[in-house]
């Protein structure tokens, strides 16, 4: 066996890379859908803590150009859930992954003045801090599969552009798949 044949055998085939790329894009769609639908529980234990947080989000929560839309999304979601709270409420609020992250950001940015506001904050964190922290950790864990999938897609796209592969399919196929991959939601990539 010559040296060039050995080198040829270790090079990836474009057709194999394209097949894996297609599978990863399909997996990406599935992961995105699951992530968008998955809910995480935060235990507020009682209505007064929930109402206090809702009031904070409505009137006092700091926001900037990167957090304004998230605050609106979180507030509307929590306000909708308030309408379903009744006397038999178990204290559990279900939030989707984006809302968990936004809530964590808003709570950790809370500031105030004086004893009563400090007391209100400590009560809030003592009540929801543990379950909110666990929800945030679970969101990060759940997003890891998506990040790994994106990394592999990126690796394959780089290989497809490399001259170090066996070109056994048409170039149009590569260009089409690369343009599909560029349509991935940028908000998810940074999660």
C-alpha atoms as a PDB file:
ATOM      1  CA  UNK A   1       0.000   0.000   0.000  1.00  0.00           C
ATOM      2  CA  UNK A   2       1.395   3.406  -0.925  1.00  0.00           C
ATOM      3  CA  UNK A   3       1.523   6.363   1.384  1.00  0.00           C
ATOM      4  CA  UNK A   4      -1.086   8.267  -0.638  1.00  0.00           C
ATOM      5  CA  UNK A   5      -3.574   5.376  -0.349  1.00  0.00           C
ATOM      6  CA  UNK A   6      -3.135   5.317   3.435  1.00  0.00           C
ATOM      7  CA  UNK A   7      -3.717   9.069   3.573  1.00  0.00           C
ATOM      8  CA  UNK A   8      -6.777   8.744   1.347  1.00  0.00           C
ATOM      9  CA  UNK A   9      -8.269   6.102   3.651  1.00  0.00           C
ATOM     10  CA  UNK A  10      -7.979   8.329   6.748  1.00  0.00           C
ATOM     11  CA  UNK A  11      -9.615  11.349   5.092  1.00  0.00           C
ATOM     12  CA  UNK A  12     -13.341  11.771   5.745  1.00  0.00           C
ATOM     13  CA  UNK A  13     -15.698  11.365   2.822  1.00  0.00           C
ATOM     14  CA  UNK A  14     -17.868  14.342   1.940  1.00  0.00           C
ATOM     15  CA  UNK A  15     -20.911  12.093   1.556  1.00  0.00           C
ATOM     16  CA  UNK A  16     -20.437  10.762   5.119  1.00  0.00           C
ATOM     17  CA  UNK A  17     -20.027  14.289   6.486  1.00  0.00           C
ATOM     18  CA  UNK A  18     -23.165  15.455   4.682  1.00  0.00           C
ATOM     19  CA  UNK A  19     -25.172  12.529   6.026  1.00  0.00           C
ATOM     20  CA  UNK A  20     -24.042  13.254   9.583  1.00  0.00           C
ATOM     21  CA  UNK A  21     -24.708  16.971   9.059  1.00  0.00           C
ATOM     22  CA  UNK A  22     -28.294  16.216   8.018  1.00  0.00           C
ATOM     23  CA  UNK A  23     -28.829  13.993  11.075  1.00  0.00           C
ATOM     24  CA  UNK A  24     -27.430  16.672  13.389  1.00  0.00           C
ATOM     25  CA  UNK A  25     -29.704  19.338  11.905  1.00  0.00           C
ATOM     26  CA  UNK A  26     -32.717  17.073  12.488  1.00  0.00           C
ATOM     27  CA  UNK A  27     -31.539  16.404  16.043  1.00  0.00           C
ATOM     28  CA  UNK A  28     -31.115  20.149  16.504  1.00  0.00           C
ATOM     29  CA  UNK A  29     -34.746  20.765  15.536  1.00  0.00           C
ATOM     30  CA  UNK A  30     -35.904  18.118  18.015  1.00  0.00           C
ATOM     31  CA  UNK A  31     -33.744  19.523  20.821  1.00  0.00           C
ATOM     32  CA  UNK A  32     -34.979  23.063  20.155  1.00  0.00           C
ATOM     33  CA  UNK A  33     -38.616  21.996  20.234  1.00  0.00           C
ATOM     34  CA  UNK A  34     -38.126  20.027  23.451  1.00  0.00           C
ATOM     35  CA  UNK A  35     -36.279  22.917  25.053  1.00  0.00           C
ATOM     36  CA  UNK A  36     -38.984  25.414  24.122  1.00  0.00           C
ATOM     37  CA  UNK A  37     -41.747  23.188  25.545  1.00  0.00           C
ATOM     38  CA  UNK A  38     -39.990  21.956  28.708  1.00  0.00           C
ATOM     39  CA  UNK A  39     -41.149  23.506  31.969  1.00  0.00           C
ATOM     40  CA  UNK A  40     -39.289  23.918  35.244  1.00  0.00           C
ATOM     41  CA  UNK A  41     -40.917  24.236  38.636  1.00  0.00           C
ATOM     42  CA  UNK A  42     -40.222  27.039  41.082  1.00  0.00           C
ATOM     43  CA  UNK A  43     -41.831  26.692  44.509  1.00  0.00           C
ATOM     44  CA  UNK A  44     -43.195  30.005  45.813  1.00  0.00           C
ATOM     45  CA  UNK A  45     -44.836  28.247  48.763  1.00  0.00           C
ATOM     46  CA  UNK A  46     -47.448  30.997  49.195  1.00  0.00           C
ATOM     47  CA  UNK A  47     -49.343  33.725  47.356  1.00  0.00           C
ATOM     48  CA  UNK A  48     -47.744  36.654  49.163  1.00  0.00           C
ATOM     49  CA  UNK A  49     -44.247  35.786  47.939  1.00  0.00           C
ATOM     50  CA  UNK A  50     -45.559  35.309  44.406  1.00  0.00           C
ATOM     51  CA  UNK A  51     -47.471  38.613  44.538  1.00  0.00           C
ATOM     52  CA  UNK A  52     -44.439  40.414  45.953  1.00  0.00           C
ATOM     53  CA  UNK A  53     -42.237  39.199  43.101  1.00  0.00           C
ATOM     54  CA  UNK A  54     -44.879  40.041  40.518  1.00  0.00           C
ATOM     55  CA  UNK A  55     -45.111  43.571  41.958  1.00  0.00           C
ATOM     56  CA  UNK A  56     -41.312  43.889  41.802  1.00  0.00           C
ATOM     57  CA  UNK A  57     -41.271  42.782  38.164  1.00  0.00           C
ATOM     58  CA  UNK A  58     -44.088  45.186  37.337  1.00  0.00           C
ATOM     59  CA  UNK A  59     -42.799  48.306  39.063  1.00  0.00           C
ATOM     60  CA  UNK A  60     -39.192  48.017  40.204  1.00  0.00           C
ATOM     61  CA  UNK A  61     -37.230  45.526  38.125  1.00  0.00           C
ATOM     62  CA  UNK A  62     -34.198  47.059  36.432  1.00  0.00           C
ATOM     63  CA  UNK A  63     -33.933  46.457  32.709  1.00  0.00           C
ATOM     64  CA  UNK A  64     -31.752  47.421  29.803  1.00  0.00           C
ATOM     65  CA  UNK A  65     -31.767  47.046  26.068  1.00  0.00           C
ATOM     66  CA  UNK A  66     -30.831  43.354  26.399  1.00  0.00           C
ATOM     67  CA  UNK A  67     -33.340  42.488  29.144  1.00  0.00           C
ATOM     68  CA  UNK A  68     -36.460  44.544  28.319  1.00  0.00           C
ATOM     69  CA  UNK A  69     -38.087  41.934  26.087  1.00  0.00           C
ATOM     70  CA  UNK A  70     -37.271  39.175  28.590  1.00  0.00           C
ATOM     71  CA  UNK A  71     -38.852  41.138  31.424  1.00  0.00           C
ATOM     72  CA  UNK A  72     -42.025  41.598  29.383  1.00  0.00           C
ATOM     73  CA  UNK A  73     -42.126  37.876  28.553  1.00  0.00           C
ATOM     74  CA  UNK A  74     -41.570  36.830  32.184  1.00  0.00           C
ATOM     75  CA  UNK A  75     -44.058  39.320  33.615  1.00  0.00           C
ATOM     76  CA  UNK A  76     -46.797  38.289  31.165  1.00  0.00           C
ATOM     77  CA  UNK A  77     -46.166  34.587  31.868  1.00  0.00           C
ATOM     78  CA  UNK A  78     -46.313  35.080  35.637  1.00  0.00           C
ATOM     79  CA  UNK A  79     -49.358  37.343  35.395  1.00  0.00           C
ATOM     80  CA  UNK A  80     -51.178  34.629  33.409  1.00  0.00           C
ATOM     81  CA  UNK A  81     -50.300  32.105  36.102  1.00  0.00           C
ATOM     82  CA  UNK A  82     -51.576  34.451  38.826  1.00  0.00           C
ATOM     83  CA  UNK A  83     -55.031  34.224  37.268  1.00  0.00           C
ATOM     84  CA  UNK A  84     -55.026  30.461  37.830  1.00  0.00           C
ATOM     85  CA  UNK A  85     -53.952  30.660  41.485  1.00  0.00           C
ATOM     86  CA  UNK A  86     -56.745  29.704  43.858  1.00  0.00           C
ATOM     87  CA  UNK A  87     -57.101  28.651  47.494  1.00  0.00           C
ATOM     88  CA  UNK A  88     -55.856  25.131  46.720  1.00  0.00           C
ATOM     89  CA  UNK A  89     -52.682  26.371  44.988  1.00  0.00           C
ATOM     90  CA  UNK A  90     -49.633  24.290  45.867  1.00  0.00           C
ATOM     91  CA  UNK A  91     -47.190  27.196  45.389  1.00  0.00           C
ATOM     92  CA  UNK A  92     -45.609  25.731  42.251  1.00  0.00           C
ATOM     93  CA  UNK A  93     -45.093  27.998  39.245  1.00  0.00           C
ATOM     94  CA  UNK A  94     -44.044  26.343  35.996  1.00  0.00           C
ATOM     95  CA  UNK A  95     -41.699  28.348  33.810  1.00  0.00           C
ATOM     96  CA  UNK A  96     -40.098  27.590  30.471  1.00  0.00           C
ATOM     97  CA  UNK A  97     -36.329  27.729  30.154  1.00  0.00           C
ATOM     98  CA  UNK A  98     -36.146  31.321  28.882  1.00  0.00           C
ATOM     99  CA  UNK A  99     -38.316  32.519  31.767  1.00  0.00           C
ATOM    100  CA  UNK A 100     -36.190  30.650  34.315  1.00  0.00           C
ATOM    101  CA  UNK A 101     -33.085  32.410  33.052  1.00  0.00           C
ATOM    102  CA  UNK A 102     -34.815  35.784  32.952  1.00  0.00           C
ATOM    103  CA  UNK A 103     -36.220  35.339  36.465  1.00  0.00           C
ATOM    104  CA  UNK A 104     -32.762  34.421  37.774  1.00  0.00           C
ATOM    105  CA  UNK A 105     -31.295  37.536  36.149  1.00  0.00           C
ATOM    106  CA  UNK A 106     -34.024  39.784  37.547  1.00  0.00           C
ATOM    107  CA  UNK A 107     -33.839  38.356  41.064  1.00  0.00           C
ATOM    108  CA  UNK A 108     -30.058  38.575  41.233  1.00  0.00           C
ATOM    109  CA  UNK A 109     -30.231  42.215  40.095  1.00  0.00           C
ATOM    110  CA  UNK A 110     -32.712  43.210  42.795  1.00  0.00           C
ATOM    111  CA  UNK A 111     -31.716  46.256  44.827  1.00  0.00           C
ATOM    112  CA  UNK A 112     -33.603  48.349  47.262  1.00  0.00           C
ATOM    113  CA  UNK A 113     -33.484  50.787  50.124  1.00  0.00           C
ATOM    114  CA  UNK A 114     -34.140  50.350  53.776  1.00  0.00           C
ATOM    115  CA  UNK A 115     -35.046  47.584  56.162  1.00  0.00           C
ATOM    116  CA  UNK A 116     -38.419  46.599  54.701  1.00  0.00           C
ATOM    117  CA  UNK A 117     -37.176  46.168  51.164  1.00  0.00           C
ATOM    118  CA  UNK A 118     -34.176  44.170  52.414  1.00  0.00           C
ATOM    119  CA  UNK A 119     -36.498  41.992  54.482  1.00  0.00           C
ATOM    120  CA  UNK A 120     -38.770  41.422  51.486  1.00  0.00           C
ATOM    121  CA  UNK A 121     -35.787  40.383  49.352  1.00  0.00           C
ATOM    122  CA  UNK A 122     -34.421  37.970  51.984  1.00  0.00           C
ATOM    123  CA  UNK A 123     -37.873  36.390  52.388  1.00  0.00           C
ATOM    124  CA  UNK A 124     -38.166  35.990  48.626  1.00  0.00           C
ATOM    125  CA  UNK A 125     -34.742  34.371  48.293  1.00  0.00           C
ATOM    126  CA  UNK A 126     -35.328  32.142  51.320  1.00  0.00           C
ATOM    127  CA  UNK A 127     -38.572  30.980  49.734  1.00  0.00           C
ATOM    128  CA  UNK A 128     -37.704  30.522  46.060  1.00  0.00           C
ATOM    129  CA  UNK A 129     -33.904  30.688  45.993  1.00  0.00           C
ATOM    130  CA  UNK A 130     -33.237  26.956  46.241  1.00  0.00           C
ATOM    131  CA  UNK A 131     -35.813  25.777  43.691  1.00  0.00           C
ATOM    132  CA  UNK A 132     -34.974  28.651  41.327  1.00  0.00           C
ATOM    133  CA  UNK A 133     -31.269  27.824  41.559  1.00  0.00           C
ATOM    134  CA  UNK A 134     -31.999  24.156  40.831  1.00  0.00           C
ATOM    135  CA  UNK A 135     -34.175  25.155  37.858  1.00  0.00           C
ATOM    136  CA  UNK A 136     -31.376  27.350  36.480  1.00  0.00           C
ATOM    137  CA  UNK A 137     -28.882  24.492  36.850  1.00  0.00           C
ATOM    138  CA  UNK A 138     -31.272  22.113  35.094  1.00  0.00           C
ATOM    139  CA  UNK A 139     -31.777  24.589  32.229  1.00  0.00           C
ATOM    140  CA  UNK A 140     -28.001  24.810  31.772  1.00  0.00           C
ATOM    141  CA  UNK A 141     -27.692  21.034  31.888  1.00  0.00           C
ATOM    142  CA  UNK A 142     -30.536  20.549  29.415  1.00  0.00           C
ATOM    143  CA  UNK A 143     -29.012  23.110  27.039  1.00  0.00           C
ATOM    144  CA  UNK A 144     -25.677  21.258  27.027  1.00  0.00           C
ATOM    145  CA  UNK A 145     -26.918  18.724  24.455  1.00  0.00           C
ATOM    146  CA  UNK A 146     -27.901  21.560  22.147  1.00  0.00           C
ATOM    147  CA  UNK A 147     -24.536  23.281  22.576  1.00  0.00           C
ATOM    148  CA  UNK A 148     -22.702  20.011  21.859  1.00  0.00           C
ATOM    149  CA  UNK A 149     -24.851  19.436  18.777  1.00  0.00           C
ATOM    150  CA  UNK A 150     -24.104  22.962  17.519  1.00  0.00           C
ATOM    151  CA  UNK A 151     -20.387  22.419  18.091  1.00  0.00           C
ATOM    152  CA  UNK A 152     -20.438  19.214  16.035  1.00  0.00           C
ATOM    153  CA  UNK A 153     -22.401  20.928  13.237  1.00  0.00           C
ATOM    154  CA  UNK A 154     -19.763  23.657  13.210  1.00  0.00           C
ATOM    155  CA  UNK A 155     -16.967  21.051  13.092  1.00  0.00           C
ATOM    156  CA  UNK A 156     -18.586  19.301  10.141  1.00  0.00           C
ATOM    157  CA  UNK A 157     -19.135  22.562   8.275  1.00  0.00           C
ATOM    158  CA  UNK A 158     -15.459  23.431   8.755  1.00  0.00           C
ATOM    159  CA  UNK A 159     -14.465  19.989   7.480  1.00  0.00           C
ATOM    160  CA  UNK A 160     -16.738  20.395   4.459  1.00  0.00           C
ATOM    161  CA  UNK A 161     -14.861  23.562   3.534  1.00  0.00           C
ATOM    162  CA  UNK A 162     -11.495  21.886   4.044  1.00  0.00           C
ATOM    163  CA  UNK A 163      -9.494  20.487   1.135  1.00  0.00           C
ATOM    164  CA  UNK A 164      -8.576  17.497   3.333  1.00  0.00           C
ATOM    165  CA  UNK A 165     -11.665  15.438   2.520  1.00  0.00           C
ATOM    166  CA  UNK A 166     -12.567  12.995  -0.204  1.00  0.00           C
ATOM    167  CA  UNK A 167     -14.873  14.872  -2.575  1.00  0.00           C
ATOM    168  CA  UNK A 168     -17.415  12.275  -3.632  1.00  0.00           C
ATOM    169  CA  UNK A 169     -20.547  14.518  -4.028  1.00  0.00           C
ATOM    170  CA  UNK A 170     -21.501  17.720  -5.840  1.00  0.00           C
ATOM    171  CA  UNK A 171     -20.576  21.136  -4.414  1.00  0.00           C
ATOM    172  CA  UNK A 172     -24.197  22.428  -4.630  1.00  0.00           C
ATOM    173  CA  UNK A 173     -25.196  19.987  -1.881  1.00  0.00           C
ATOM    174  CA  UNK A 174     -22.665  21.482   0.532  1.00  0.00           C
ATOM    175  CA  UNK A 175     -23.744  25.065  -0.204  1.00  0.00           C
ATOM    176  CA  UNK A 176     -27.418  24.183   0.339  1.00  0.00           C
ATOM    177  CA  UNK A 177     -26.806  22.516   3.710  1.00  0.00           C
ATOM    178  CA  UNK A 178     -24.557  25.323   4.920  1.00  0.00           C
ATOM    179  CA  UNK A 179     -27.263  27.876   4.132  1.00  0.00           C
ATOM    180  CA  UNK A 180     -29.809  25.813   6.097  1.00  0.00           C
ATOM    181  CA  UNK A 181     -27.485  25.714   9.113  1.00  0.00           C
ATOM    182  CA  UNK A 182     -27.157  29.506   9.087  1.00  0.00           C
ATOM    183  CA  UNK A 183     -30.890  29.736   9.845  1.00  0.00           C
ATOM    184  CA  UNK A 184     -30.393  28.449  13.416  1.00  0.00           C
ATOM    185  CA  UNK A 185     -31.912  30.717  16.054  1.00  0.00           C
ATOM    186  CA  UNK A 186     -29.061  32.961  17.376  1.00  0.00           C
ATOM    187  CA  UNK A 187     -30.689  33.243  20.833  1.00  0.00           C
ATOM    188  CA  UNK A 188     -30.286  29.509  21.348  1.00  0.00           C
ATOM    189  CA  UNK A 189     -26.668  29.461  20.265  1.00  0.00           C
ATOM    190  CA  UNK A 190     -25.745  31.822  23.103  1.00  0.00           C
ATOM    191  CA  UNK A 191     -27.751  29.920  25.714  1.00  0.00           C
END
